[in-house]
Amino acid sequence: MISQEKERGGREPASRKAGMKTSPQVSPAELAVVMPVYNEAANVSAVLHEWFDYLSIVAPNFVLFAVNDGSNDRTREILDSLRDELGPRLQVVNKSNSGHGLACRDGYELALSEGSSWIFQIDSDGQCDPVFFEIPYRDRAAYDCIFGYRRTRDDGFCRVVVSLCCRLLLWLVTGTYLPDPNVPYRLMRSSALRKALRKVTADFELQNIGLAFALKQQPELAWKYFPIHFRARRGGENSINYRKIAKMGVNLLRDFRRLTHEDSHTWWRPRWARRRLAS
């Protein structure tokens, strides 16, 4: 069960947040899938059916957390219907809006509370093709973190710019290079994820990038990267524009610069800064 204590940074545990309700829990599954959902009425039914069909063959011992991040379209209604149709392996989480990163974090915390050995994150817009999942799941015993990287993609130049900016800014500020730090296609051993979440404060806006970095700072972890193709959205609209890209870049710089300059978080510093601090 989820701890009754507040998390680091003053956030309440996911299941105790105002306006957040979950469907009944099921027995622990080996694999917990986290899917943040926001205004995806046009996509979420087809996406969940596609993934349930595939996971039922490749990894049948699974549970999927669909984290509805305060959608204001028909998403909640559709998810409630799908929960009845797909059964207890679909855990519907309804919460107030907090943004994509914190919705992912809430899903991670709920998945860890279930006791699953592996946590896998995907998005709900249909861009994550399940055909690639067999690769990380087949190789999971030898690794702690298995991340996809978007070698090809059909979702437009704007999204390519976002990924490039994330990669370059992370490298410039921290000295750490990750092929695709914001990719949603990520399989993580629960013990590694739990430790990394303790390192990423709740006010870190781009949670998935912070989490990828925190995982990379654990030298004992075994990593694997594998190429994926990112599809275009099945429906709905792409909300990313150049103004949002600029804002994301500023926020990323702010968060990482703050963390790398706090003595209480020396592990965040790039290698050259850690050496200077130690001298």
C-alpha atoms as a PDB file:
ATOM      1  CA  MET A   1       0.000   0.000   0.000  1.00  0.00           C
ATOM      2  CA  ILE A   2       1.085   3.611  -0.466  1.00  0.00           C
ATOM      3  CA  SER A   3       2.846   5.184   2.505  1.00  0.00           C
ATOM      4  CA  GLN A   4       0.771   7.535   4.656  1.00  0.00           C
ATOM      5  CA  GLU A   5       3.671   9.969   4.953  1.00  0.00           C
ATOM      6  CA  LYS A   6       4.138  12.931   2.641  1.00  0.00           C
ATOM      7  CA  GLU A   7       6.680  12.541  -0.109  1.00  0.00           C
ATOM      8  CA  ARG A   8       9.793  14.620  -0.425  1.00  0.00           C
ATOM      9  CA  GLY A   9       8.971  18.135  -1.551  1.00  0.00           C
ATOM     10  CA  GLY A  10       5.680  18.230   0.373  1.00  0.00           C
ATOM     11  CA  ARG A  11       3.522  16.361  -2.123  1.00  0.00           C
ATOM     12  CA  GLU A  12       0.868  14.019  -0.871  1.00  0.00           C
ATOM     13  CA  PRO A  13       1.113  10.380  -1.963  1.00  0.00           C
ATOM     14  CA  ALA A  14      -0.610   9.877  -5.275  1.00  0.00           C
ATOM     15  CA  SER A  15      -3.718   8.109  -4.022  1.00  0.00           C
ATOM     16  CA  ARG A  16      -4.446  10.782  -1.386  1.00  0.00           C
ATOM     17  CA  LYS A  17      -4.469  13.795  -3.679  1.00  0.00           C
ATOM     18  CA  ALA A  18      -7.642  15.829  -3.872  1.00  0.00           C
ATOM     19  CA  GLY A  19      -9.849  14.747  -6.690  1.00  0.00           C
ATOM     20  CA  MET A  20      -7.880  11.584  -7.409  1.00  0.00           C
ATOM     21  CA  LYS A  21      -9.704   8.254  -7.428  1.00  0.00           C
ATOM     22  CA  THR A  22      -8.551   4.834  -8.546  1.00  0.00           C
ATOM     23  CA  SER A  23     -10.364   1.708  -9.481  1.00  0.00           C
ATOM     24  CA  PRO A  24     -10.022  -1.321  -7.171  1.00  0.00           C
ATOM     25  CA  GLN A  25      -6.529  -2.753  -6.888  1.00  0.00           C
ATOM     26  CA  VAL A  26      -5.524  -6.142  -8.226  1.00  0.00           C
ATOM     27  CA  SER A  27      -2.863  -8.611  -7.146  1.00  0.00           C
ATOM     28  CA  PRO A  28       0.736  -7.569  -7.907  1.00  0.00           C
ATOM     29  CA  ALA A  29       1.715  -8.115 -11.524  1.00  0.00           C
ATOM     30  CA  GLU A  30       5.229  -8.569 -12.845  1.00  0.00           C
ATOM     31  CA  LEU A  31       4.791  -5.623 -15.220  1.00  0.00           C
ATOM     32  CA  ALA A  32       3.055  -2.325 -14.457  1.00  0.00           C
ATOM     33  CA  VAL A  33       2.415  -0.039 -17.433  1.00  0.00           C
ATOM     34  CA  VAL A  34       1.980   3.698 -16.796  1.00  0.00           C
ATOM     35  CA  MET A  35      -0.004   5.703 -19.358  1.00  0.00           C
ATOM     36  CA  PRO A  36      -0.683   9.412 -18.654  1.00  0.00           C
ATOM     37  CA  VAL A  37      -3.842  10.615 -20.399  1.00  0.00           C
ATOM     38  CA  TYR A  38      -5.033  14.150 -21.070  1.00  0.00           C
ATOM     39  CA  ASN A  39      -7.858  15.009 -23.475  1.00  0.00           C
ATOM     40  CA  GLU A  40      -7.319  11.882 -25.566  1.00  0.00           C
ATOM     41  CA  ALA A  41     -10.941  10.994 -26.276  1.00  0.00           C
ATOM     42  CA  ALA A  42     -10.037  10.556 -29.935  1.00  0.00           C
ATOM     43  CA  ASN A  43      -7.244   8.060 -29.229  1.00  0.00           C
ATOM     44  CA  VAL A  44      -7.398   6.350 -25.869  1.00  0.00           C
ATOM     45  CA  SER A  45      -9.831   3.536 -26.728  1.00  0.00           C
ATOM     46  CA  ALA A  46      -7.898   2.358 -29.796  1.00  0.00           C
ATOM     47  CA  VAL A  47      -4.558   2.743 -27.976  1.00  0.00           C
ATOM     48  CA  LEU A  48      -5.646   0.702 -24.965  1.00  0.00           C
ATOM     49  CA  HIS A  49      -7.143  -2.052 -27.105  1.00  0.00           C
ATOM     50  CA  GLU A  50      -3.972  -2.244 -29.174  1.00  0.00           C
ATOM     51  CA  TRP A  51      -1.701  -2.471 -26.140  1.00  0.00           C
ATOM     52  CA  PHE A  52      -3.923  -4.914 -24.265  1.00  0.00           C
ATOM     53  CA  ASP A  53      -3.965  -7.232 -27.275  1.00  0.00           C
ATOM     54  CA  TYR A  54      -0.192  -7.125 -27.559  1.00  0.00           C
ATOM     55  CA  LEU A  55       0.659  -7.339 -23.850  1.00  0.00           C
ATOM     56  CA  SER A  56      -1.715 -10.256 -23.384  1.00  0.00           C
ATOM     57  CA  ILE A  57       0.596 -12.245 -25.648  1.00  0.00           C
ATOM     58  CA  VAL A  58       4.061 -10.894 -24.786  1.00  0.00           C
ATOM     59  CA  ALA A  59       3.665 -10.100 -21.066  1.00  0.00           C
ATOM     60  CA  PRO A  60       0.308 -11.451 -19.841  1.00  0.00           C
ATOM     61  CA  ASN A  61       1.058 -10.809 -16.157  1.00  0.00           C
ATOM     62  CA  PHE A  62       0.544  -7.039 -16.347  1.00  0.00           C
ATOM     63  CA  VAL A  63      -1.536  -4.182 -15.006  1.00  0.00           C
ATOM     64  CA  LEU A  64      -1.961  -0.847 -16.799  1.00  0.00           C
ATOM     65  CA  PHE A  65      -2.478   2.434 -14.951  1.00  0.00           C
ATOM     66  CA  ALA A  66      -4.322   4.940 -17.129  1.00  0.00           C
ATOM     67  CA  VAL A  67      -3.707   8.231 -15.300  1.00  0.00           C
ATOM     68  CA  ASN A  68      -6.387  10.685 -16.375  1.00  0.00           C
ATOM     69  CA  ASP A  69      -4.812  14.074 -15.687  1.00  0.00           C
ATOM     70  CA  GLY A  70      -7.972  16.136 -15.296  1.00  0.00           C
ATOM     71  CA  SER A  71      -9.187  15.788 -18.885  1.00  0.00           C
ATOM     72  CA  ASN A  72     -12.069  18.088 -19.822  1.00  0.00           C
ATOM     73  CA  ASP A  73     -13.317  16.114 -22.831  1.00  0.00           C
ATOM     74  CA  ARG A  74     -14.918  12.640 -22.842  1.00  0.00           C
ATOM     75  CA  THR A  75     -11.724  10.877 -21.754  1.00  0.00           C
ATOM     76  CA  ARG A  76     -12.968   9.988 -18.284  1.00  0.00           C
ATOM     77  CA  GLU A  77     -16.229   8.568 -19.597  1.00  0.00           C
ATOM     78  CA  ILE A  78     -14.371   6.458 -22.159  1.00  0.00           C
ATOM     79  CA  LEU A  79     -11.888   5.170 -19.578  1.00  0.00           C
ATOM     80  CA  ASP A  80     -14.699   4.161 -17.224  1.00  0.00           C
ATOM     81  CA  SER A  81     -16.320   2.194 -20.048  1.00  0.00           C
ATOM     82  CA  LEU A  82     -13.013   0.551 -20.962  1.00  0.00           C
ATOM     83  CA  ARG A  83     -12.414  -0.441 -17.359  1.00  0.00           C
ATOM     84  CA  ASP A  84     -15.631  -2.433 -17.424  1.00  0.00           C
ATOM     85  CA  GLU A  85     -14.713  -3.962 -20.775  1.00  0.00           C
ATOM     86  CA  LEU A  86     -11.024  -4.780 -20.209  1.00  0.00           C
ATOM     87  CA  GLY A  87     -11.301  -5.890 -16.600  1.00  0.00           C
ATOM     88  CA  PRO A  88      -9.095  -5.469 -13.514  1.00  0.00           C
ATOM     89  CA  ARG A  89      -5.847  -5.283 -15.483  1.00  0.00           C
ATOM     90  CA  LEU A  90      -6.895  -1.740 -16.396  1.00  0.00           C
ATOM     91  CA  GLN A  91      -6.570   0.545 -13.371  1.00  0.00           C
ATOM     92  CA  VAL A  92      -8.184   3.914 -14.071  1.00  0.00           C
ATOM     93  CA  VAL A  93      -6.769   6.833 -12.098  1.00  0.00           C
ATOM     94  CA  ASN A  94      -8.767  10.097 -12.130  1.00  0.00           C
ATOM     95  CA  LYS A  95      -6.962  13.120 -10.732  1.00  0.00           C
ATOM     96  CA  SER A  96      -6.861  16.895 -10.979  1.00  0.00           C
ATOM     97  CA  ASN A  97      -4.650  18.362 -13.691  1.00  0.00           C
ATOM     98  CA  SER A  98      -0.955  18.691 -12.835  1.00  0.00           C
ATOM     99  CA  GLY A  99       0.775  18.280 -16.202  1.00  0.00           C
ATOM    100  CA  HIS A 100       2.290  15.346 -18.076  1.00  0.00           C
ATOM    101  CA  GLY A 101       5.409  14.941 -15.934  1.00  0.00           C
ATOM    102  CA  LEU A 102       3.638  14.811 -12.592  1.00  0.00           C
ATOM    103  CA  ALA A 103       0.959  12.537 -14.049  1.00  0.00           C
ATOM    104  CA  CYS A 104       3.762  10.127 -14.995  1.00  0.00           C
ATOM    105  CA  ARG A 105       5.208  10.414 -11.507  1.00  0.00           C
ATOM    106  CA  ASP A 106       1.853   9.660  -9.900  1.00  0.00           C
ATOM    107  CA  GLY A 107       1.569   6.604 -12.132  1.00  0.00           C
ATOM    108  CA  TYR A 108       5.068   5.468 -11.178  1.00  0.00           C
ATOM    109  CA  GLU A 109       4.291   5.771  -7.481  1.00  0.00           C
ATOM    110  CA  LEU A 110       1.067   3.804  -7.823  1.00  0.00           C
ATOM    111  CA  ALA A 111       2.832   1.139  -9.882  1.00  0.00           C
ATOM    112  CA  LEU A 112       5.575   0.812  -7.271  1.00  0.00           C
ATOM    113  CA  SER A 113       2.966   0.508  -4.523  1.00  0.00           C
ATOM    114  CA  GLU A 114       1.564  -2.518  -6.372  1.00  0.00           C
ATOM    115  CA  GLY A 115       4.862  -4.369  -5.975  1.00  0.00           C
ATOM    116  CA  SER A 116       5.510  -4.935  -9.679  1.00  0.00           C
ATOM    117  CA  SER A 117       9.063  -5.902 -10.645  1.00  0.00           C
ATOM    118  CA  TRP A 118       9.072  -3.795 -13.825  1.00  0.00           C
ATOM    119  CA  ILE A 119       7.576  -0.411 -14.725  1.00  0.00           C
ATOM    120  CA  PHE A 120       6.982   0.584 -18.342  1.00  0.00           C
ATOM    121  CA  GLN A 121       5.785   3.987 -19.521  1.00  0.00           C
ATOM    122  CA  ILE A 122       3.982   4.836 -22.742  1.00  0.00           C
ATOM    123  CA  ASP A 123       1.858   7.738 -23.965  1.00  0.00           C
ATOM    124  CA  SER A 124      -1.833   7.644 -24.867  1.00  0.00           C
ATOM    125  CA  ASP A 125      -1.812   9.390 -28.259  1.00  0.00           C
ATOM    126  CA  GLY A 126      -1.045   6.307 -30.366  1.00  0.00           C
ATOM    127  CA  GLN A 127       2.547   7.238 -31.159  1.00  0.00           C
ATOM    128  CA  CYS A 128       4.022   4.379 -29.125  1.00  0.00           C
ATOM    129  CA  ASP A 129       3.907   1.267 -31.302  1.00  0.00           C
ATOM    130  CA  PRO A 130       3.650  -1.921 -29.202  1.00  0.00           C
ATOM    131  CA  VAL A 131       5.541  -3.966 -31.799  1.00  0.00           C
ATOM    132  CA  PHE A 132       8.848  -2.743 -30.329  1.00  0.00           C
ATOM    133  CA  PHE A 133       8.050  -3.842 -26.774  1.00  0.00           C
ATOM    134  CA  GLU A 134       9.140  -7.450 -27.285  1.00  0.00           C
ATOM    135  CA  ILE A 135      12.788  -6.325 -27.458  1.00  0.00           C
ATOM    136  CA  PRO A 136      13.111  -4.743 -23.990  1.00  0.00           C
ATOM    137  CA  TYR A 137      10.850  -7.254 -22.291  1.00  0.00           C
ATOM    138  CA  ARG A 138      12.767 -10.196 -23.718  1.00  0.00           C
ATOM    139  CA  ASP A 139      16.103  -8.749 -22.521  1.00  0.00           C
ATOM    140  CA  ARG A 140      14.955  -7.394 -19.173  1.00  0.00           C
ATOM    141  CA  ALA A 141      16.796  -9.909 -16.961  1.00  0.00           C
ATOM    142  CA  ALA A 142      20.182  -8.537 -18.041  1.00  0.00           C
ATOM    143  CA  TYR A 143      19.365  -4.847 -17.546  1.00  0.00           C
ATOM    144  CA  ASP A 144      17.919  -2.336 -15.112  1.00  0.00           C
ATOM    145  CA  CYS A 145      16.931   0.392 -17.593  1.00  0.00           C
ATOM    146  CA  ILE A 146      15.924  -0.238 -21.197  1.00  0.00           C
ATOM    147  CA  PHE A 147      15.090   2.951 -23.066  1.00  0.00           C
ATOM    148  CA  GLY A 148      13.903   3.394 -26.610  1.00  0.00           C
ATOM    149  CA  TYR A 149      15.255   6.202 -28.733  1.00  0.00           C
ATOM    150  CA  ARG A 150      13.248   7.677 -31.576  1.00  0.00           C
ATOM    151  CA  ARG A 151      15.425   6.923 -34.587  1.00  0.00           C
ATOM    152  CA  THR A 152      12.580   7.752 -36.979  1.00  0.00           C
ATOM    153  CA  ARG A 153       9.345   9.606 -36.351  1.00  0.00           C
ATOM    154  CA  ASP A 154       6.243  10.821 -38.133  1.00  0.00           C
ATOM    155  CA  ASP A 155       5.082  13.492 -35.686  1.00  0.00           C
ATOM    156  CA  GLY A 156       6.587  16.574 -37.286  1.00  0.00           C
ATOM    157  CA  PHE A 157       9.632  18.807 -37.111  1.00  0.00           C
ATOM    158  CA  CYS A 158       8.479  20.601 -33.951  1.00  0.00           C
ATOM    159  CA  ARG A 159       8.771  17.416 -31.939  1.00  0.00           C
ATOM    160  CA  VAL A 160      12.202  16.703 -33.384  1.00  0.00           C
ATOM    161  CA  VAL A 161      13.308  20.149 -32.170  1.00  0.00           C
ATOM    162  CA  VAL A 162      11.953  19.445 -28.672  1.00  0.00           C
ATOM    163  CA  SER A 163      13.938  16.202 -28.387  1.00  0.00           C
ATOM    164  CA  LEU A 164      17.095  17.829 -29.740  1.00  0.00           C
ATOM    165  CA  CYS A 165      16.832  20.731 -27.302  1.00  0.00           C
ATOM    166  CA  CYS A 166      16.322  18.385 -24.355  1.00  0.00           C
ATOM    167  CA  ARG A 167      19.334  16.305 -25.349  1.00  0.00           C
ATOM    168  CA  LEU A 168      21.651  19.278 -25.898  1.00  0.00           C
ATOM    169  CA  LEU A 169      20.592  21.237 -22.816  1.00  0.00           C
ATOM    170  CA  LEU A 170      20.994  18.211 -20.580  1.00  0.00           C
ATOM    171  CA  TRP A 171      24.482  17.607 -21.948  1.00  0.00           C
ATOM    172  CA  LEU A 172      25.541  21.269 -21.667  1.00  0.00           C
ATOM    173  CA  VAL A 173      24.278  21.762 -18.125  1.00  0.00           C
ATOM    174  CA  THR A 174      25.190  18.407 -16.570  1.00  0.00           C
ATOM    175  CA  GLY A 175      27.799  16.807 -18.814  1.00  0.00           C
ATOM    176  CA  THR A 176      25.568  13.748 -19.182  1.00  0.00           C
ATOM    177  CA  TYR A 177      24.509  12.547 -22.620  1.00  0.00           C
ATOM    178  CA  LEU A 178      21.296  10.600 -23.102  1.00  0.00           C
ATOM    179  CA  PRO A 179      20.158   9.641 -26.620  1.00  0.00           C
ATOM    180  CA  ASP A 180      16.515  10.550 -25.947  1.00  0.00           C
ATOM    181  CA  PRO A 181      15.994  11.765 -22.359  1.00  0.00           C
ATOM    182  CA  ASN A 182      12.277  12.500 -22.739  1.00  0.00           C
ATOM    183  CA  VAL A 183      11.256   9.350 -24.589  1.00  0.00           C
ATOM    184  CA  PRO A 184       8.103   7.747 -23.132  1.00  0.00           C
ATOM    185  CA  TYR A 185       9.108   4.240 -24.254  1.00  0.00           C
ATOM    186  CA  ARG A 186      11.041   3.175 -21.145  1.00  0.00           C
ATOM    187  CA  LEU A 187      11.208  -0.045 -19.124  1.00  0.00           C
ATOM    188  CA  MET A 188      12.700   0.254 -15.623  1.00  0.00           C
ATOM    189  CA  ARG A 189      13.416  -2.175 -12.831  1.00  0.00           C
ATOM    190  CA  SER A 190      11.303  -1.115  -9.863  1.00  0.00           C
ATOM    191  CA  SER A 191      14.216  -0.944  -7.417  1.00  0.00           C
ATOM    192  CA  ALA A 192      16.101   1.442  -9.716  1.00  0.00           C
ATOM    193  CA  LEU A 193      13.017   3.583 -10.306  1.00  0.00           C
ATOM    194  CA  ARG A 194      12.232   3.846  -6.611  1.00  0.00           C
ATOM    195  CA  LYS A 195      15.731   5.106  -5.853  1.00  0.00           C
ATOM    196  CA  ALA A 196      15.681   7.596  -8.735  1.00  0.00           C
ATOM    197  CA  LEU A 197      12.320   9.061  -7.707  1.00  0.00           C
ATOM    198  CA  ARG A 198      13.809   9.980  -4.331  1.00  0.00           C
ATOM    199  CA  LYS A 199      16.377  12.108  -6.175  1.00  0.00           C
ATOM    200  CA  VAL A 200      13.912  14.083  -8.293  1.00  0.00           C
ATOM    201  CA  THR A 201      12.063  16.710  -6.285  1.00  0.00           C
ATOM    202  CA  ALA A 202       8.348  17.193  -6.857  1.00  0.00           C
ATOM    203  CA  ASP A 203       8.854  20.753  -8.143  1.00  0.00           C
ATOM    204  CA  PHE A 204      11.038  19.576 -11.020  1.00  0.00           C
ATOM    205  CA  GLU A 205       8.789  20.483 -13.942  1.00  0.00           C
ATOM    206  CA  LEU A 206      10.098  18.075 -16.606  1.00  0.00           C
ATOM    207  CA  GLN A 207       9.877  14.975 -14.460  1.00  0.00           C
ATOM    208  CA  ASN A 208      10.706  12.412 -17.152  1.00  0.00           C
ATOM    209  CA  ILE A 209      13.956  14.163 -18.084  1.00  0.00           C
ATOM    210  CA  GLY A 210      14.927  14.521 -14.432  1.00  0.00           C
ATOM    211  CA  LEU A 211      14.141  10.875 -13.842  1.00  0.00           C
ATOM    212  CA  ALA A 212      16.203   9.716 -16.837  1.00  0.00           C
ATOM    213  CA  PHE A 213      19.123  11.750 -15.529  1.00  0.00           C
ATOM    214  CA  ALA A 214      18.701  10.424 -11.979  1.00  0.00           C
ATOM    215  CA  LEU A 215      18.761   6.865 -13.286  1.00  0.00           C
ATOM    216  CA  LYS A 216      21.890   7.588 -15.297  1.00  0.00           C
ATOM    217  CA  GLN A 217      23.652   8.796 -12.151  1.00  0.00           C
ATOM    218  CA  GLN A 218      23.420   5.315 -10.637  1.00  0.00           C
ATOM    219  CA  PRO A 219      26.650   3.740 -11.960  1.00  0.00           C
ATOM    220  CA  GLU A 220      25.639   0.266 -10.848  1.00  0.00           C
ATOM    221  CA  LEU A 221      22.707   0.117 -13.254  1.00  0.00           C
ATOM    222  CA  ALA A 222      22.957  -1.805 -16.510  1.00  0.00           C
ATOM    223  CA  TRP A 223      21.517   0.101 -19.489  1.00  0.00           C
ATOM    224  CA  LYS A 224      20.287  -0.801 -22.944  1.00  0.00           C
ATOM    225  CA  TYR A 225      19.068   1.497 -25.721  1.00  0.00           C
ATOM    226  CA  PHE A 226      17.074   0.282 -28.692  1.00  0.00           C
ATOM    227  CA  PRO A 227      15.676   2.105 -31.734  1.00  0.00           C
ATOM    228  CA  ILE A 228      11.961   2.695 -32.151  1.00  0.00           C
ATOM    229  CA  HIS A 229       9.775   4.393 -34.720  1.00  0.00           C
ATOM    230  CA  PHE A 230       7.424   7.058 -33.370  1.00  0.00           C
ATOM    231  CA  ARG A 231       4.125   7.239 -35.206  1.00  0.00           C
ATOM    232  CA  ALA A 232       2.037  10.317 -35.905  1.00  0.00           C
ATOM    233  CA  ARG A 233      -0.875  10.957 -33.562  1.00  0.00           C
ATOM    234  CA  ARG A 234      -3.928   8.856 -34.359  1.00  0.00           C
ATOM    235  CA  GLY A 235      -6.270  11.765 -33.707  1.00  0.00           C
ATOM    236  CA  GLY A 236      -6.588  15.040 -31.872  1.00  0.00           C
ATOM    237  CA  GLU A 237      -4.150  17.924 -32.076  1.00  0.00           C
ATOM    238  CA  ASN A 238      -0.474  18.345 -31.308  1.00  0.00           C
ATOM    239  CA  SER A 239      -0.281  20.931 -28.516  1.00  0.00           C
ATOM    240  CA  ILE A 240       3.443  21.656 -28.912  1.00  0.00           C
ATOM    241  CA  ASN A 241       4.461  24.914 -30.566  1.00  0.00           C
ATOM    242  CA  TYR A 242       7.658  26.935 -30.671  1.00  0.00           C
ATOM    243  CA  ARG A 243       6.591  29.113 -27.749  1.00  0.00           C
ATOM    244  CA  LYS A 244       6.129  26.024 -25.607  1.00  0.00           C
ATOM    245  CA  ILE A 245       9.477  24.666 -26.802  1.00  0.00           C
ATOM    246  CA  ALA A 246      11.201  27.856 -25.634  1.00  0.00           C
ATOM    247  CA  LYS A 247       9.428  27.716 -22.275  1.00  0.00           C
ATOM    248  CA  MET A 248      10.397  24.078 -21.795  1.00  0.00           C
ATOM    249  CA  GLY A 249      14.020  24.933 -22.525  1.00  0.00           C
ATOM    250  CA  VAL A 250      14.033  27.763 -19.968  1.00  0.00           C
ATOM    251  CA  ASN A 251      12.437  25.543 -17.340  1.00  0.00           C
ATOM    252  CA  LEU A 252      14.906  22.758 -18.015  1.00  0.00           C
ATOM    253  CA  LEU A 253      17.855  25.125 -17.601  1.00  0.00           C
ATOM    254  CA  ARG A 254      16.357  26.587 -14.427  1.00  0.00           C
ATOM    255  CA  ASP A 255      15.722  23.228 -12.793  1.00  0.00           C
ATOM    256  CA  PHE A 256      19.069  21.668 -13.636  1.00  0.00           C
ATOM    257  CA  ARG A 257      21.072  24.792 -12.786  1.00  0.00           C
ATOM    258  CA  ARG A 258      19.333  24.994  -9.432  1.00  0.00           C
ATOM    259  CA  LEU A 259      20.020  21.371  -8.691  1.00  0.00           C
ATOM    260  CA  THR A 260      23.645  21.479  -9.816  1.00  0.00           C
ATOM    261  CA  HIS A 261      24.352  24.498  -7.586  1.00  0.00           C
ATOM    262  CA  GLU A 262      22.879  23.113  -4.386  1.00  0.00           C
ATOM    263  CA  ASP A 263      25.488  21.568  -2.109  1.00  0.00           C
ATOM    264  CA  SER A 264      22.874  19.164  -0.762  1.00  0.00           C
ATOM    265  CA  HIS A 265      22.553  17.694  -4.251  1.00  0.00           C
ATOM    266  CA  THR A 266      26.172  17.296  -5.339  1.00  0.00           C
ATOM    267  CA  TRP A 267      25.293  14.175  -7.289  1.00  0.00           C
ATOM    268  CA  TRP A 268      23.513  16.413  -9.807  1.00  0.00           C
ATOM    269  CA  ARG A 269      26.688  18.321 -10.627  1.00  0.00           C
ATOM    270  CA  PRO A 270      28.566  17.685 -13.854  1.00  0.00           C
ATOM    271  CA  ARG A 271      31.841  15.813 -13.400  1.00  0.00           C
ATOM    272  CA  TRP A 272      34.019  18.950 -13.621  1.00  0.00           C
ATOM    273  CA  ALA A 273      31.973  20.681 -10.898  1.00  0.00           C
ATOM    274  CA  ARG A 274      32.165  17.680  -8.578  1.00  0.00           C
ATOM    275  CA  ARG A 275      35.944  17.566  -8.987  1.00  0.00           C
ATOM    276  CA  ARG A 276      36.243  21.300  -8.186  1.00  0.00           C
ATOM    277  CA  LEU A 277      33.998  20.929  -5.134  1.00  0.00           C
ATOM    278  CA  ALA A 278      36.110  18.059  -3.825  1.00  0.00           C
ATOM    279  CA  SER A 279      39.394  19.959  -4.251  1.00  0.00           C
END
